[in-house]
Amino acid sequence: MDLGSDTDLDQDCCPVGSEQDHLSQLHKFHSGKEDLLKEDRFDSRYSSGYQSGNLGSEINDVRFISDEDRLIPVAGLESLTLDNDEHKTNEESIDDGFESSDLKLDVPLSVKAKSTQKTEDKEEERLLQYRTLLKETYQQDDDGDTRLHTAIIQLLQDLALYYISLTPTHTLLSLKNNYLQTPLHLAVITKQDVLTRKLMTSGAQVDSRDHKGNTPLHIASKEGYDYFAKILLEPIHYEETMNNKYELPYQQIPQNLEARNYEGQVCIHLAAEGCHIKTLNVLLSKGADVNARDGKSGRTILHYAAESGCMELLEFLLQQKHCRLDVNCVTYGGLTPIVLAKGRGHEEAVRLMREYGAWSESEDSSSEEEMNEEPYEEIKINGVIVN
């Protein structure tokens, strides 16, 4: 109050007419003092957190009551944590004049350290569980089979896909059992196309050999699985490898179609041996050599067809003009396909091959006579001629 004013001084010192007037003046004096104290408290000691403008009645009633113990100084906000429910703001008590960005809760370093340590412990525990599961999955039993082998054999596709997803490296997908069979061999044998392609796109070795020297493509050719032959010969696309956790090794796909098993047979020999025309057509369309000889006798697939008397296969082969089929190719013993067909009594096959330019019967006879006229070398044992 300004005590320098004479008017005010006179009013303050003049006698009060009655007790009621005295109480009224006293009430006005204390009310003005309380207003000044409230104004000083909010301006000098506390930050209200409000923008300029009138405060809503709800906030005045709920958050900023006269009790100083319930006011939160700005300096004290740093000590709040996210787990302190006592000071959590309620969305229902926030109106348009309050900006939540003004209230920043800093987590103490001790809490952060505990949280980080807890996260690291959980990650270490997860890693330990993963390693244990991985070891159990690819541990080989007495037959050399892993859980992946067994899941494929038992036609448990979803389980097999799960085991594949666990793999941290492509080498585990090519483990061999006691028959030298990989999971890819078994997927083809059991005719599971989804697993076959998944193993390929995950890096399984496509040209791995079993105990007979057969690759998965050899098996598909022998069994006449033309659809699986297409899968095995289809190159890997980038979109199929996006979910892999590791880099895939380089593989030649389509694989080498001249690769032989331990019987000296390439894939087209196995397909022709079983008269699997559709599979044979797939192999030839991918560049297989129609005149390839097997490793034991030198027979081609035309020899196989002529000797077996499979007319459907024989007609298919003779009509493959783009493959440049040699109808007069000979075995290591000098035998042509028509000679084999005649020796087996397949007269219809002989007639058909003659129509496509195979050697005639007279030419075969003269060839046999020339072979009989060739002199034989003398056989000697310890220098003694044996008759």
Protein backbone atom coordinates (compact mmCIF):
# COMPACT_ATOMS: atom_id res chain seq x y z
CA MET A 1 0.00 0.00 0.00
CA ASP A 2 1.14 3.58 -0.71
CA LEU A 3 1.56 5.29 2.69
CA GLY A 4 2.60 8.60 1.07
CA SER A 5 -0.99 9.56 0.20
CA ASP A 6 -2.63 11.98 2.68
CA THR A 7 -6.07 10.80 1.72
CA ASP A 8 -5.26 7.21 2.50
CA LEU A 9 -3.59 8.21 5.77
CA ASP A 10 -6.62 10.16 6.84
CA GLN A 11 -8.87 7.26 6.01
CA ASP A 12 -6.70 4.82 7.94
CA CYS A 13 -6.46 6.99 11.03
CA CYS A 14 -10.00 8.21 11.21
CA PRO A 15 -12.18 6.58 13.86
CA VAL A 16 -14.47 3.81 12.79
CA GLY A 17 -18.08 4.51 13.25
CA SER A 18 -19.11 1.01 14.21
CA GLU A 19 -17.73 -2.47 14.84
CA GLN A 20 -19.33 -3.78 11.68
CA ASP A 21 -17.56 -1.14 9.54
CA HIS A 22 -14.30 -2.02 11.25
CA LEU A 23 -14.65 -5.74 10.39
CA SER A 24 -15.54 -4.89 6.82
CA GLN A 25 -12.39 -2.79 6.33
CA LEU A 26 -10.26 -5.46 7.97
CA HIS A 27 -11.64 -8.16 5.64
CA LYS A 28 -10.83 -6.06 2.56
CA PHE A 29 -7.28 -5.51 3.80
CA HIS A 30 -6.56 -9.24 4.27
CA SER A 31 -8.20 -10.20 0.98
CA GLY A 32 -5.93 -7.82 -0.92
CA LYS A 33 -2.88 -9.19 0.87
CA GLU A 34 -3.73 -12.78 -0.01
CA ASP A 35 -4.11 -11.86 -3.67
CA LEU A 36 -0.68 -10.23 -3.65
CA LEU A 37 0.90 -13.26 -2.01
CA LYS A 38 -0.62 -15.61 -4.56
CA GLU A 39 0.56 -13.45 -7.43
CA ASP A 40 4.10 -13.26 -6.03
CA ARG A 41 4.23 -17.04 -5.51
CA PHE A 42 3.27 -17.94 -9.04
CA ASP A 43 5.43 -15.24 -10.66
CA SER A 44 8.67 -15.64 -8.72
CA ARG A 45 8.90 -19.21 -7.50
CA TYR A 46 6.91 -21.41 -9.84
CA SER A 47 6.31 -21.88 -13.53
CA SER A 48 2.63 -22.41 -14.12
CA GLY A 49 3.11 -24.31 -17.34
CA TYR A 50 0.27 -22.39 -18.95
CA GLN A 51 0.18 -20.14 -21.98
CA SER A 52 -1.12 -16.61 -21.76
CA GLY A 53 -4.86 -16.37 -21.26
CA ASN A 54 -7.42 -17.14 -18.62
CA LEU A 55 -7.05 -20.42 -16.78
CA GLY A 56 -9.90 -22.87 -17.05
CA SER A 57 -11.99 -23.36 -13.99
CA GLU A 58 -11.28 -27.08 -13.93
CA ILE A 59 -7.51 -26.61 -13.70
CA ASN A 60 -7.88 -23.88 -11.09
CA ASP A 61 -9.98 -26.25 -9.02
CA VAL A 62 -8.01 -29.47 -9.49
CA ARG A 63 -4.30 -28.82 -10.10
CA PHE A 64 -3.47 -25.44 -8.59
CA ILE A 65 -5.24 -25.32 -5.27
CA SER A 66 -3.96 -23.21 -2.41
CA ASP A 67 -2.18 -26.11 -0.75
CA GLU A 68 1.55 -25.56 -1.51
CA ASP A 69 2.39 -29.23 -0.91
CA ARG A 70 0.55 -30.22 -4.07
CA LEU A 71 2.37 -27.78 -6.36
CA ILE A 72 5.30 -29.19 -8.36
CA PRO A 73 8.23 -26.81 -8.78
CA VAL A 74 9.94 -26.80 -12.20
CA ALA A 75 13.24 -27.75 -10.60
CA GLY A 76 11.65 -30.84 -9.10
CA LEU A 77 10.44 -32.31 -12.43
CA GLU A 78 13.87 -33.80 -13.11
CA SER A 79 13.39 -36.26 -10.24
CA LEU A 80 10.22 -37.77 -11.70
CA THR A 81 10.32 -41.18 -13.32
CA LEU A 82 8.02 -42.90 -15.75
CA ASP A 83 7.03 -45.36 -13.03
CA ASN A 84 5.86 -42.67 -10.57
CA ASP A 85 2.09 -42.98 -10.68
CA GLU A 86 1.62 -40.17 -8.18
CA HIS A 87 2.66 -37.49 -10.68
CA LYS A 88 1.36 -39.01 -13.91
CA THR A 89 -0.75 -36.55 -15.87
CA ASN A 90 -4.34 -37.44 -16.51
CA GLU A 91 -5.59 -36.69 -20.00
CA GLU A 92 -8.97 -35.81 -18.60
CA SER A 93 -7.46 -32.90 -16.63
CA ILE A 94 -5.69 -31.33 -19.61
CA ASP A 95 -7.50 -28.63 -21.57
CA ASP A 96 -6.62 -26.76 -24.73
CA GLY A 97 -4.38 -24.28 -22.88
CA PHE A 98 -1.89 -26.94 -21.61
CA GLU A 99 1.06 -28.09 -23.73
CA SER A 100 2.27 -31.55 -22.74
CA SER A 101 5.61 -30.95 -24.48
CA ASP A 102 6.53 -28.54 -21.67
CA LEU A 103 6.63 -31.46 -19.22
CA LYS A 104 9.67 -33.69 -19.85
CA LEU A 105 10.37 -36.61 -17.54
CA ASP A 106 14.05 -37.57 -17.40
CA VAL A 107 14.83 -41.15 -16.33
CA PRO A 108 17.62 -41.29 -13.72
CA LEU A 109 20.87 -42.95 -14.83
CA SER A 110 20.50 -45.72 -12.25
CA VAL A 111 17.14 -46.71 -13.72
CA LYS A 112 18.53 -46.57 -17.24
CA ALA A 113 21.45 -48.80 -16.23
CA LYS A 114 19.13 -51.35 -14.66
CA SER A 115 16.90 -51.32 -17.74
CA THR A 116 19.89 -51.77 -20.06
CA GLN A 117 21.26 -54.61 -17.94
CA LYS A 118 17.86 -56.30 -17.91
CA THR A 119 17.65 -56.04 -21.72
CA GLU A 120 21.14 -57.48 -22.11
CA ASP A 121 20.29 -60.37 -19.81
CA LYS A 122 17.17 -61.14 -21.83
CA GLU A 123 19.13 -61.04 -25.08
CA GLU A 124 21.80 -63.35 -23.64
CA GLU A 125 19.12 -65.77 -22.44
CA ARG A 126 17.44 -65.74 -25.86
CA LEU A 127 20.78 -66.36 -27.56
CA LEU A 128 21.50 -69.29 -25.27
CA GLN A 129 18.09 -70.81 -25.97
CA TYR A 130 18.60 -70.32 -29.71
CA ARG A 131 21.98 -72.05 -29.64
CA THR A 132 20.56 -74.95 -27.64
CA LEU A 133 17.64 -75.37 -30.05
CA LEU A 134 19.94 -75.12 -33.05
CA LYS A 135 22.25 -77.80 -31.65
CA GLU A 136 19.33 -80.12 -30.95
CA THR A 137 17.83 -79.53 -34.39
CA TYR A 138 20.95 -80.39 -36.36
CA GLN A 139 22.34 -83.07 -34.06
CA GLN A 140 22.54 -86.29 -36.12
CA ASP A 141 21.14 -89.56 -34.78
CA ASP A 142 22.44 -93.09 -35.36
CA ASP A 143 21.16 -93.02 -38.95
CA GLY A 144 22.80 -89.67 -39.56
CA ASP A 145 19.44 -87.91 -39.75
CA THR A 146 18.86 -84.51 -38.18
CA ARG A 147 15.46 -83.27 -37.04
CA LEU A 148 15.13 -81.60 -40.42
CA HIS A 149 15.68 -84.95 -42.18
CA THR A 150 13.11 -86.59 -39.92
CA ALA A 151 10.52 -83.84 -40.38
CA ILE A 152 10.80 -84.17 -44.16
CA ILE A 153 10.56 -87.97 -44.04
CA GLN A 154 7.44 -87.74 -41.87
CA LEU A 155 5.90 -85.12 -44.21
CA LEU A 156 5.81 -82.46 -41.48
CA GLN A 157 6.17 -79.51 -43.83
CA ASP A 158 5.50 -76.69 -41.33
CA LEU A 159 7.98 -78.12 -38.84
CA ALA A 160 10.59 -78.55 -41.56
CA LEU A 161 10.10 -74.94 -42.67
CA TYR A 162 10.56 -73.84 -39.05
CA TYR A 163 13.84 -75.74 -38.79
CA ILE A 164 15.02 -74.14 -42.03
CA SER A 165 14.21 -70.69 -40.66
CA LEU A 166 16.45 -71.34 -37.64
CA THR A 167 19.50 -72.01 -39.78
CA PRO A 168 22.27 -69.40 -39.42
CA THR A 169 24.26 -70.80 -42.36
CA HIS A 170 23.52 -72.71 -45.56
CA THR A 171 25.98 -75.51 -44.76
CA LEU A 172 23.63 -77.03 -42.18
CA LEU A 173 21.03 -77.55 -44.90
CA SER A 174 23.32 -79.94 -46.78
CA LEU A 175 24.18 -82.34 -43.95
CA LYS A 176 24.11 -85.96 -45.13
CA ASN A 177 22.73 -89.03 -43.38
CA ASN A 178 24.29 -92.49 -43.56
CA TYR A 179 22.99 -92.91 -47.12
CA LEU A 180 24.60 -89.59 -48.03
CA GLN A 181 21.16 -88.08 -48.51
CA THR A 182 20.68 -84.38 -47.87
CA PRO A 183 17.33 -82.83 -46.91
CA LEU A 184 16.97 -81.82 -50.57
CA HIS A 185 17.26 -85.46 -51.66
CA LEU A 186 14.53 -86.41 -49.21
CA ALA A 187 12.27 -83.51 -50.22
CA VAL A 188 12.40 -84.72 -53.84
CA ILE A 189 11.93 -88.38 -52.90
CA THR A 190 8.86 -87.54 -50.80
CA LYS A 191 7.55 -85.14 -53.49
CA GLN A 192 7.32 -82.01 -51.35
CA ASP A 193 7.64 -79.15 -53.80
CA VAL A 194 7.43 -76.29 -51.26
CA LEU A 195 10.28 -77.70 -49.20
CA THR A 196 12.30 -78.45 -52.31
CA ARG A 197 12.19 -74.86 -53.46
CA LYS A 198 12.68 -73.46 -49.95
CA LEU A 199 15.82 -75.53 -49.48
CA MET A 200 17.16 -74.33 -52.81
CA THR A 201 16.50 -70.66 -52.09
CA SER A 202 18.05 -71.08 -48.64
CA GLY A 203 21.34 -72.29 -50.09
CA ALA A 204 21.11 -76.10 -50.00
CA GLN A 205 23.57 -77.76 -52.38
CA VAL A 206 21.65 -78.77 -55.51
CA ASP A 207 24.24 -81.18 -56.97
CA SER A 208 25.08 -83.13 -53.81
CA ARG A 209 25.39 -86.89 -54.44
CA ASP A 210 23.96 -89.76 -52.42
CA HIS A 211 25.55 -93.19 -51.93
CA LYS A 212 24.73 -94.10 -55.55
CA GLY A 213 26.07 -90.86 -56.94
CA ASN A 214 22.63 -89.47 -57.68
CA THR A 215 21.85 -85.79 -57.28
CA PRO A 216 18.30 -84.70 -56.48
CA LEU A 217 17.83 -84.10 -60.22
CA HIS A 218 18.95 -87.68 -60.96
CA ILE A 219 16.27 -88.90 -58.54
CA ALA A 220 13.58 -86.72 -60.12
CA SER A 221 14.60 -88.00 -63.56
CA LYS A 222 14.59 -91.63 -62.50
CA GLU A 223 11.20 -91.38 -60.82
CA GLY A 224 9.64 -89.31 -63.59
CA TYR A 225 8.94 -86.28 -61.40
CA ASP A 226 8.85 -83.76 -64.23
CA TYR A 227 7.47 -80.99 -61.99
CA PHE A 228 10.35 -81.39 -59.57
CA ALA A 229 12.79 -81.43 -62.45
CA LYS A 230 11.43 -78.01 -63.42
CA ILE A 231 11.84 -76.76 -59.84
CA LEU A 232 15.42 -78.01 -59.61
CA LEU A 233 16.33 -76.48 -62.96
CA GLU A 234 14.76 -73.07 -62.25
CA PRO A 235 17.36 -70.41 -61.34
CA ILE A 236 17.07 -68.69 -57.97
CA HIS A 237 15.43 -65.28 -58.07
CA TYR A 238 16.42 -62.42 -55.78
CA GLU A 239 12.91 -62.06 -54.36
CA GLU A 240 13.14 -65.64 -53.06
CA THR A 241 16.22 -64.90 -50.95
CA MET A 242 15.16 -61.68 -49.20
CA ASN A 243 14.30 -63.46 -45.92
CA ASN A 244 17.66 -65.22 -45.65
CA LYS A 245 19.91 -64.24 -42.74
CA TYR A 246 23.10 -65.01 -44.65
CA GLU A 247 24.65 -64.68 -48.07
CA LEU A 248 24.02 -67.55 -50.45
CA PRO A 249 26.91 -69.36 -52.14
CA TYR A 250 27.21 -69.36 -55.90
CA GLN A 251 25.64 -72.39 -57.53
CA GLN A 252 25.20 -73.31 -61.16
CA ILE A 253 21.48 -73.59 -61.77
CA PRO A 254 20.56 -75.37 -63.98
CA GLN A 255 23.23 -77.73 -62.79
CA ASN A 256 25.61 -79.61 -65.04
CA LEU A 257 23.31 -81.94 -66.98
CA GLU A 258 26.28 -84.11 -67.98
CA ALA A 259 27.01 -85.09 -64.38
CA ARG A 260 27.05 -88.90 -64.05
CA ASN A 261 26.08 -91.12 -61.16
CA TYR A 262 28.18 -94.10 -60.11
CA GLU A 263 26.57 -96.18 -62.88
CA GLY A 264 27.86 -93.72 -65.46
CA GLN A 265 24.41 -92.38 -66.26
CA VAL A 266 23.37 -88.79 -66.76
CA CYS A 267 19.86 -87.60 -65.97
CA ILE A 268 18.44 -88.23 -69.45
CA HIS A 269 19.58 -91.88 -69.28
CA LEU A 270 17.57 -92.39 -66.09
CA ALA A 271 14.52 -90.66 -67.57
CA ALA A 272 14.75 -92.73 -70.79
CA GLU A 273 15.27 -95.94 -68.84
CA GLY A 274 11.90 -95.39 -67.20
CA CYS A 275 10.25 -94.05 -70.39
CA HIS A 276 9.46 -90.77 -68.61
CA ILE A 277 8.82 -88.61 -71.67
CA LYS A 278 7.66 -85.47 -69.86
CA THR A 279 10.73 -85.46 -67.65
CA LEU A 280 12.94 -86.13 -70.65
CA ASN A 281 11.35 -83.22 -72.48
CA VAL A 282 12.13 -80.91 -69.55
CA LEU A 283 15.78 -82.01 -69.55
CA LEU A 284 16.17 -81.59 -73.29
CA SER A 285 14.58 -78.15 -73.17
CA LYS A 286 17.27 -77.12 -70.68
CA GLY A 287 20.07 -78.20 -73.00
CA ALA A 288 20.73 -81.85 -72.16
CA ASP A 289 22.70 -83.70 -74.86
CA VAL A 290 20.38 -86.15 -76.63
CA ASN A 291 23.37 -88.14 -77.91
CA ALA A 292 25.13 -88.47 -74.56
CA ARG A 293 26.55 -91.95 -73.91
CA ASP A 294 26.44 -93.75 -70.63
CA GLY A 295 29.70 -94.62 -68.95
CA LYS A 296 29.47 -98.42 -69.05
CA SER A 297 28.36 -99.44 -72.55
CA GLY A 298 28.30 -96.20 -74.51
CA ARG A 299 24.56 -96.39 -75.16
CA THR A 300 22.51 -93.29 -75.89
CA ILE A 301 18.89 -92.76 -74.95
CA LEU A 302 17.94 -93.93 -78.47
CA HIS A 303 19.65 -97.24 -77.69
CA TYR A 304 17.62 -97.41 -74.49
CA ALA A 305 14.38 -96.81 -76.37
CA ALA A 306 15.22 -99.29 -79.14
CA GLU A 307 16.28 -102.04 -76.77
CA SER A 308 13.26 -101.61 -74.48
CA GLY A 309 10.82 -101.40 -77.38
CA CYS A 310 9.05 -98.38 -75.88
CA MET A 311 7.41 -97.03 -79.04
CA GLU A 312 6.12 -93.87 -77.40
CA LEU A 313 9.63 -92.92 -76.31
CA LEU A 314 11.11 -93.95 -79.66
CA GLU A 315 8.65 -91.80 -81.60
CA PHE A 316 9.28 -88.86 -79.27
CA LEU A 317 13.04 -89.05 -79.80
CA LEU A 318 12.89 -89.48 -83.58
CA GLN A 319 10.71 -86.38 -83.84
CA GLN A 320 13.21 -84.18 -81.97
CA LYS A 321 14.71 -82.53 -85.05
CA HIS A 322 16.14 -79.57 -83.14
CA CYS A 323 18.19 -81.92 -80.96
CA ARG A 324 20.11 -83.40 -83.94
CA LEU A 325 19.54 -86.96 -82.89
CA ASP A 326 22.07 -89.44 -84.31
CA VAL A 327 20.02 -92.50 -85.34
CA ASN A 328 23.14 -94.43 -86.27
CA CYS A 329 25.26 -93.80 -83.20
CA VAL A 330 27.14 -96.83 -81.94
CA THR A 331 27.94 -98.21 -78.52
CA TYR A 332 31.43 -99.03 -77.32
CA GLY A 333 30.85 -102.41 -78.95
CA GLY A 334 29.85 -100.84 -82.29
CA LEU A 335 26.13 -101.60 -82.03
CA THR A 336 23.54 -99.22 -83.47
CA PRO A 337 20.05 -98.76 -82.02
CA ILE A 338 18.42 -100.66 -84.89
CA VAL A 339 20.67 -103.66 -84.25
CA LEU A 340 19.61 -103.72 -80.61
CA ALA A 341 15.94 -103.46 -81.59
CA LYS A 342 16.31 -106.32 -84.08
CA GLY A 343 18.14 -108.45 -81.55
CA ARG A 344 15.28 -107.95 -79.09
CA GLY A 345 12.68 -108.77 -81.74
CA HIS A 346 11.09 -105.30 -81.80
CA GLU A 347 10.15 -105.33 -85.49
CA GLU A 348 7.94 -102.25 -85.26
CA ALA A 349 10.78 -100.30 -83.73
CA VAL A 350 13.09 -101.52 -86.54
CA ARG A 351 10.62 -100.36 -89.19
CA LEU A 352 10.17 -96.95 -87.57
CA MET A 353 13.90 -96.33 -87.28
CA ARG A 354 14.44 -97.27 -90.92
CA GLU A 355 11.96 -94.56 -91.86
CA TYR A 356 14.21 -92.06 -90.11
CA GLY A 357 17.39 -93.23 -91.84
CA ALA A 358 18.70 -95.99 -89.62
CA TRP A 359 21.02 -98.59 -91.19
CA SER A 360 19.39 -101.30 -93.29
CA GLU A 361 19.58 -105.00 -92.58
CA SER A 362 22.04 -105.64 -95.40
CA GLU A 363 24.36 -102.97 -94.08
CA ASP A 364 24.14 -104.55 -90.67
CA SER A 365 25.02 -107.99 -92.10
CA SER A 366 27.99 -106.68 -94.04
CA SER A 367 29.15 -104.86 -90.95
CA GLU A 368 28.93 -108.07 -88.93
CA GLU A 369 30.89 -110.00 -91.61
CA GLU A 370 33.62 -107.39 -91.58
CA MET A 371 33.85 -107.68 -87.85
CA ASN A 372 34.14 -111.49 -88.10
CA GLU A 373 36.93 -111.22 -90.70
CA GLU A 374 39.13 -109.07 -88.46
CA PRO A 375 42.11 -111.12 -87.17
CA TYR A 376 42.36 -111.74 -83.47
CA GLU A 377 45.58 -111.14 -81.63
CA GLU A 378 47.27 -114.17 -80.18
CA ILE A 379 46.77 -114.57 -76.48
CA LYS A 380 49.94 -115.42 -74.57
CA ILE A 381 50.34 -116.43 -70.94
CA ASN A 382 53.92 -116.36 -69.69
CA GLY A 383 55.07 -116.21 -73.30
CA VAL A 384 53.07 -119.34 -74.32
CA ILE A 385 50.40 -118.95 -77.01
CA VAL A 386 46.99 -120.06 -75.81
CA ASN A 387 44.63 -121.35 -78.57
